[in-house]
Amino acid sequence: MRQKLWYLDTRAEHLATIHLLRREDLVITKQPDAENYGFDILVSICQDKKLPKTPR
């Protein structure tokens, strides 16, 4: 079995961020506890280019 390359996760996250930043109505939020939830970034679609309110 081949070993997973250490940089693939980081590269995939960076490429997704670069690709998604092309749209002005998207807000990308990096998740602090990505290992616990199963996803690294959260993408929100905003109307009128306003940032969504984040729950506290």
PDB file of N, CA and C in Angstrom:
ATOM      1  N   MET A   1       0.837  -1.190   0.000  1.00  0.00           N
ATOM      2  CA  MET A   1       0.000   0.000   0.000  1.00  0.00           C
ATOM      3  C   MET A   1       0.876   1.245   0.000  1.00  0.00           C
ATOM      4  N   ARG A   2       0.531   2.180  -0.859  1.00  0.00           N
ATOM      5  CA  ARG A   2       1.335   3.397  -0.949  1.00  0.00           C
ATOM      6  C   ARG A   2       1.000   4.346   0.193  1.00  0.00           C
ATOM      7  N   GLN A   3       2.014   5.032   0.649  1.00  0.00           N
ATOM      8  CA  GLN A   3       1.825   5.997   1.722  1.00  0.00           C
ATOM      9  C   GLN A   3       1.239   7.287   1.167  1.00  0.00           C
ATOM     10  N   LYS A   4       0.334   7.906   1.935  1.00  0.00           N
ATOM     11  CA  LYS A   4      -0.274   9.163   1.507  1.00  0.00           C
ATOM     12  C   LYS A   4       0.772  10.279   1.617  1.00  0.00           C
ATOM     13  N   LEU A   5       0.858  11.086   0.587  1.00  0.00           N
ATOM     14  CA  LEU A   5       1.811  12.186   0.607  1.00  0.00           C
ATOM     15  C   LEU A   5       1.348  13.243   1.591  1.00  0.00           C
ATOM     16  N   TRP A   6       2.251  13.782   2.372  1.00  0.00           N
ATOM     17  CA  TRP A   6       1.914  14.685   3.473  1.00  0.00           C
ATOM     18  C   TRP A   6       1.294  16.001   3.007  1.00  0.00           C
ATOM     19  N   TYR A   7       1.564  16.429   1.806  1.00  0.00           N
ATOM     20  CA  TYR A   7       1.126  17.743   1.356  1.00  0.00           C
ATOM     21  C   TYR A   7      -0.212  17.731   0.613  1.00  0.00           C
ATOM     22  N   LEU A   8      -0.804  16.590   0.351  1.00  0.00           N
ATOM     23  CA  LEU A   8      -2.016  16.532  -0.457  1.00  0.00           C
ATOM     24  C   LEU A   8      -3.204  17.237   0.189  1.00  0.00           C
ATOM     25  N   ASP A   9      -3.405  17.074   1.488  1.00  0.00           N
ATOM     26  CA  ASP A   9      -4.530  17.732   2.166  1.00  0.00           C
ATOM     27  C   ASP A   9      -4.406  19.247   2.102  1.00  0.00           C
ATOM     28  N   THR A  10      -3.238  19.756   2.390  1.00  0.00           N
ATOM     29  CA  THR A  10      -3.015  21.202   2.373  1.00  0.00           C
ATOM     30  C   THR A  10      -3.164  21.747   0.961  1.00  0.00           C
ATOM     31  N   ARG A  11      -2.629  21.039  -0.012  1.00  0.00           N
ATOM     32  CA  ARG A  11      -2.718  21.486  -1.405  1.00  0.00           C
ATOM     33  C   ARG A  11      -4.167  21.529  -1.875  1.00  0.00           C
ATOM     34  N   ALA A  12      -4.937  20.514  -1.535  1.00  0.00           N
ATOM     35  CA  ALA A  12      -6.343  20.476  -1.936  1.00  0.00           C
ATOM     36  C   ALA A  12      -7.123  21.633  -1.310  1.00  0.00           C
ATOM     37  N   GLU A  13      -6.854  21.917  -0.053  1.00  0.00           N
ATOM     38  CA  GLU A  13      -7.530  23.031   0.623  1.00  0.00           C
ATOM     39  C   GLU A  13      -7.175  24.366  -0.019  1.00  0.00           C
ATOM     40  N   HIS A  14      -5.917  24.568  -0.338  1.00  0.00           N
ATOM     41  CA  HIS A  14      -5.481  25.819  -0.959  1.00  0.00           C
ATOM     42  C   HIS A  14      -6.056  25.978  -2.370  1.00  0.00           C
ATOM     43  N   LEU A  15      -6.077  24.905  -3.144  1.00  0.00           N
ATOM     44  CA  LEU A  15      -6.647  24.979  -4.492  1.00  0.00           C
ATOM     45  C   LEU A  15      -8.143  25.274  -4.447  1.00  0.00           C
ATOM     46  N   ALA A  16      -8.854  24.671  -3.505  1.00  0.00           N
ATOM     47  CA  ALA A  16     -10.290  24.952  -3.361  1.00  0.00           C
ATOM     48  C   ALA A  16     -10.519  26.412  -2.996  1.00  0.00           C
ATOM     49  N   THR A  17      -9.705  26.933  -2.089  1.00  0.00           N
ATOM     50  CA  THR A  17      -9.835  28.331  -1.675  1.00  0.00           C
ATOM     51  C   THR A  17      -9.580  29.273  -2.843  1.00  0.00           C
ATOM     52  N   ILE A  18      -8.533  29.013  -3.601  1.00  0.00           N
ATOM     53  CA  ILE A  18      -8.209  29.861  -4.756  1.00  0.00           C
ATOM     54  C   ILE A  18      -9.349  29.822  -5.778  1.00  0.00           C
ATOM     55  N   HIS A  19      -9.859  28.642  -6.029  1.00  0.00           N
ATOM     56  CA  HIS A  19     -10.939  28.504  -7.012  1.00  0.00           C
ATOM     57  C   HIS A  19     -12.215  29.215  -6.543  1.00  0.00           C
ATOM     58  N   LEU A  20     -12.558  29.070  -5.274  1.00  0.00           N
ATOM     59  CA  LEU A  20     -13.788  29.670  -4.750  1.00  0.00           C
ATOM     60  C   LEU A  20     -13.694  31.178  -4.601  1.00  0.00           C
ATOM     61  N   LEU A  21     -12.490  31.709  -4.450  1.00  0.00           N
ATOM     62  CA  LEU A  21     -12.328  33.163  -4.298  1.00  0.00           C
ATOM     63  C   LEU A  21     -12.632  33.921  -5.587  1.00  0.00           C
ATOM     64  N   ARG A  22     -12.818  33.220  -6.681  1.00  0.00           N
ATOM     65  CA  ARG A  22     -13.166  33.887  -7.940  1.00  0.00           C
ATOM     66  C   ARG A  22     -14.549  34.521  -7.878  1.00  0.00           C
ATOM     67  N   ARG A  23     -15.402  33.973  -7.043  1.00  0.00           N
ATOM     68  CA  ARG A  23     -16.760  34.520  -6.908  1.00  0.00           C
ATOM     69  C   ARG A  23     -16.803  35.489  -5.740  1.00  0.00           C
ATOM     70  N   GLU A  24     -17.399  36.635  -5.978  1.00  0.00           N
ATOM     71  CA  GLU A  24     -17.448  37.667  -4.945  1.00  0.00           C
ATOM     72  C   GLU A  24     -18.554  37.430  -3.919  1.00  0.00           C
ATOM     73  N   ASP A  25     -19.506  36.551  -4.215  1.00  0.00           N
ATOM     74  CA  ASP A  25     -20.609  36.328  -3.286  1.00  0.00           C
ATOM     75  C   ASP A  25     -20.377  35.144  -2.347  1.00  0.00           C
ATOM     76  N   LEU A  26     -19.165  34.611  -2.320  1.00  0.00           N
ATOM     77  CA  LEU A  26     -18.846  33.504  -1.427  1.00  0.00           C
ATOM     78  C   LEU A  26     -17.939  33.969  -0.295  1.00  0.00           C
ATOM     79  N   VAL A  27     -18.204  33.454   0.896  1.00  0.00           N
ATOM     80  CA  VAL A  27     -17.342  33.711   2.049  1.00  0.00           C
ATOM     81  C   VAL A  27     -16.790  32.366   2.487  1.00  0.00           C
ATOM     82  N   ILE A  28     -15.477  32.281   2.580  1.00  0.00           N
ATOM     83  CA  ILE A  28     -14.801  31.042   2.942  1.00  0.00           C
ATOM     84  C   ILE A  28     -14.294  31.166   4.371  1.00  0.00           C
ATOM     85  N   THR A  29     -14.670  30.186   5.210  1.00  0.00           N
ATOM     86  CA  THR A  29     -14.259  30.188   6.609  1.00  0.00           C
ATOM     87  C   THR A  29     -13.523  28.894   6.903  1.00  0.00           C
ATOM     88  N   LYS A  30     -12.298  29.007   7.383  1.00  0.00           N
ATOM     89  CA  LYS A  30     -11.535  27.820   7.770  1.00  0.00           C
ATOM     90  C   LYS A  30     -12.042  27.346   9.132  1.00  0.00           C
ATOM     91  N   GLN A  31     -12.313  26.060   9.241  1.00  0.00           N
ATOM     92  CA  GLN A  31     -12.857  25.493  10.466  1.00  0.00           C
ATOM     93  C   GLN A  31     -11.726  25.141  11.428  1.00  0.00           C
ATOM     94  N   PRO A  32     -11.817  25.609  12.678  1.00  0.00           N
ATOM     95  CA  PRO A  32     -10.719  25.383  13.633  1.00  0.00           C
ATOM     96  C   PRO A  32     -10.565  23.914  14.050  1.00  0.00           C
ATOM     97  N   ASP A  33     -11.652  23.174  14.177  1.00  0.00           N
ATOM     98  CA  ASP A  33     -11.590  21.773  14.612  1.00  0.00           C
ATOM     99  C   ASP A  33     -11.956  20.854  13.467  1.00  0.00           C
ATOM    100  N   ALA A  34     -11.221  20.948  12.377  1.00  0.00           N
ATOM    101  CA  ALA A  34     -11.560  20.207  11.162  1.00  0.00           C
ATOM    102  C   ALA A  34     -11.528  18.693  11.388  1.00  0.00           C
ATOM    103  N   GLU A  35     -10.636  18.198  12.211  1.00  0.00           N
ATOM    104  CA  GLU A  35     -10.538  16.757  12.430  1.00  0.00           C
ATOM    105  C   GLU A  35     -11.790  16.205  13.108  1.00  0.00           C
ATOM    106  N   ASN A  36     -12.430  17.017  13.942  1.00  0.00           N
ATOM    107  CA  ASN A  36     -13.597  16.557  14.687  1.00  0.00           C
ATOM    108  C   ASN A  36     -14.879  16.577  13.865  1.00  0.00           C
ATOM    109  N   TYR A  37     -14.950  17.434  12.855  1.00  0.00           N
ATOM    110  CA  TYR A  37     -16.189  17.606  12.113  1.00  0.00           C
ATOM    111  C   TYR A  37     -16.164  16.992  10.723  1.00  0.00           C
ATOM    112  N   GLY A  38     -15.007  16.735  10.169  1.00  0.00           N
ATOM    113  CA  GLY A  38     -14.933  16.090   8.872  1.00  0.00           C
ATOM    114  C   GLY A  38     -14.847  17.029   7.689  1.00  0.00           C
ATOM    115  N   PHE A  39     -14.817  18.337   7.914  1.00  0.00           N
ATOM    116  CA  PHE A  39     -14.621  19.270   6.810  1.00  0.00           C
ATOM    117  C   PHE A  39     -13.678  20.376   7.240  1.00  0.00           C
ATOM    118  N   ASP A  40     -12.888  20.876   6.294  1.00  0.00           N
ATOM    119  CA  ASP A  40     -11.848  21.852   6.593  1.00  0.00           C
ATOM    120  C   ASP A  40     -12.280  23.290   6.386  1.00  0.00           C
ATOM    121  N   ILE A  41     -13.133  23.520   5.396  1.00  0.00           N
ATOM    122  CA  ILE A  41     -13.586  24.886   5.111  1.00  0.00           C
ATOM    123  C   ILE A  41     -15.103  24.893   4.981  1.00  0.00           C
ATOM    124  N   LEU A  42     -15.685  26.034   5.325  1.00  0.00           N
ATOM    125  CA  LEU A  42     -17.115  26.243   5.185  1.00  0.00           C
ATOM    126  C   LEU A  42     -17.308  27.381   4.202  1.00  0.00           C
ATOM    127  N   VAL A  43     -18.131  27.155   3.191  1.00  0.00           N
ATOM    128  CA  VAL A  43     -18.379  28.164   2.164  1.00  0.00           C
ATOM    129  C   VAL A  43     -19.814  28.642   2.308  1.00  0.00           C
ATOM    130  N   SER A  44     -19.987  29.959   2.465  1.00  0.00           N
ATOM    131  CA  SER A  44     -21.315  30.553   2.582  1.00  0.00           C
ATOM    132  C   SER A  44     -21.585  31.411   1.359  1.00  0.00           C
ATOM    133  N   ILE A  45     -22.812  31.315   0.855  1.00  0.00           N
ATOM    134  CA  ILE A  45     -23.235  32.158  -0.259  1.00  0.00           C
ATOM    135  C   ILE A  45     -23.948  33.357   0.337  1.00  0.00           C
ATOM    136  N   CYS A  46     -23.476  34.544   0.010  1.00  0.00           N
ATOM    137  CA  CYS A  46     -24.014  35.766   0.598  1.00  0.00           C
ATOM    138  C   CYS A  46     -24.780  36.573  -0.442  1.00  0.00           C
ATOM    139  N   GLN A  47     -25.877  37.152  -0.001  1.00  0.00           N
ATOM    140  CA  GLN A  47     -26.627  38.059  -0.851  1.00  0.00           C
ATOM    141  C   GLN A  47     -26.123  39.462  -0.583  1.00  0.00           C
ATOM    142  N   ASP A  48     -26.055  40.266  -1.582  1.00  0.00           N
ATOM    143  CA  ASP A  48     -25.625  41.660  -1.465  1.00  0.00           C
ATOM    144  C   ASP A  48     -24.224  41.801  -0.885  1.00  0.00           C
ATOM    145  N   LYS A  49     -23.409  40.755  -1.035  1.00  0.00           N
ATOM    146  CA  LYS A  49     -22.010  40.766  -0.600  1.00  0.00           C
ATOM    147  C   LYS A  49     -21.847  41.101   0.873  1.00  0.00           C
ATOM    148  N   LYS A  50     -22.772  40.669   1.723  1.00  0.00           N
ATOM    149  CA  LYS A  50     -22.674  40.903   3.165  1.00  0.00           C
ATOM    150  C   LYS A  50     -22.213  39.619   3.826  1.00  0.00           C
ATOM    151  N   LEU A  51     -21.365  39.749   4.825  1.00  0.00           N
ATOM    152  CA  LEU A  51     -20.892  38.591   5.551  1.00  0.00           C
ATOM    153  C   LEU A  51     -22.012  38.015   6.401  1.00  0.00           C
ATOM    154  N   PRO A  52     -22.110  36.679   6.489  1.00  0.00           N
ATOM    155  CA  PRO A  52     -23.141  36.094   7.334  1.00  0.00           C
ATOM    156  C   PRO A  52     -22.797  36.284   8.799  1.00  0.00           C
ATOM    157  N   LYS A  53     -23.825  36.320   9.630  1.00  0.00           N
ATOM    158  CA  LYS A  53     -23.602  36.417  11.074  1.00  0.00           C
ATOM    159  C   LYS A  53     -23.149  35.057  11.574  1.00  0.00           C
ATOM    160  N   THR A  54     -22.103  35.052  12.370  1.00  0.00           N
ATOM    161  CA  THR A  54     -21.599  33.798  12.901  1.00  0.00           C
ATOM    162  C   THR A  54     -22.171  33.571  14.297  1.00  0.00           C
ATOM    163  N   PRO A  55     -22.688  32.372  14.571  1.00  0.00           N
ATOM    164  CA  PRO A  55     -23.224  32.094  15.908  1.00  0.00           C
ATOM    165  C   PRO A  55     -22.098  32.015  16.921  1.00  0.00           C
ATOM    166  N   ARG A  56     -22.387  32.437  18.126  1.00  0.00           N
ATOM    167  CA  ARG A  56     -21.375  32.393  19.190  1.00  0.00           C
ATOM    168  C   ARG A  56     -21.770  31.473  20.285  1.00  0.00           C
TER     169      ARG A  56
END
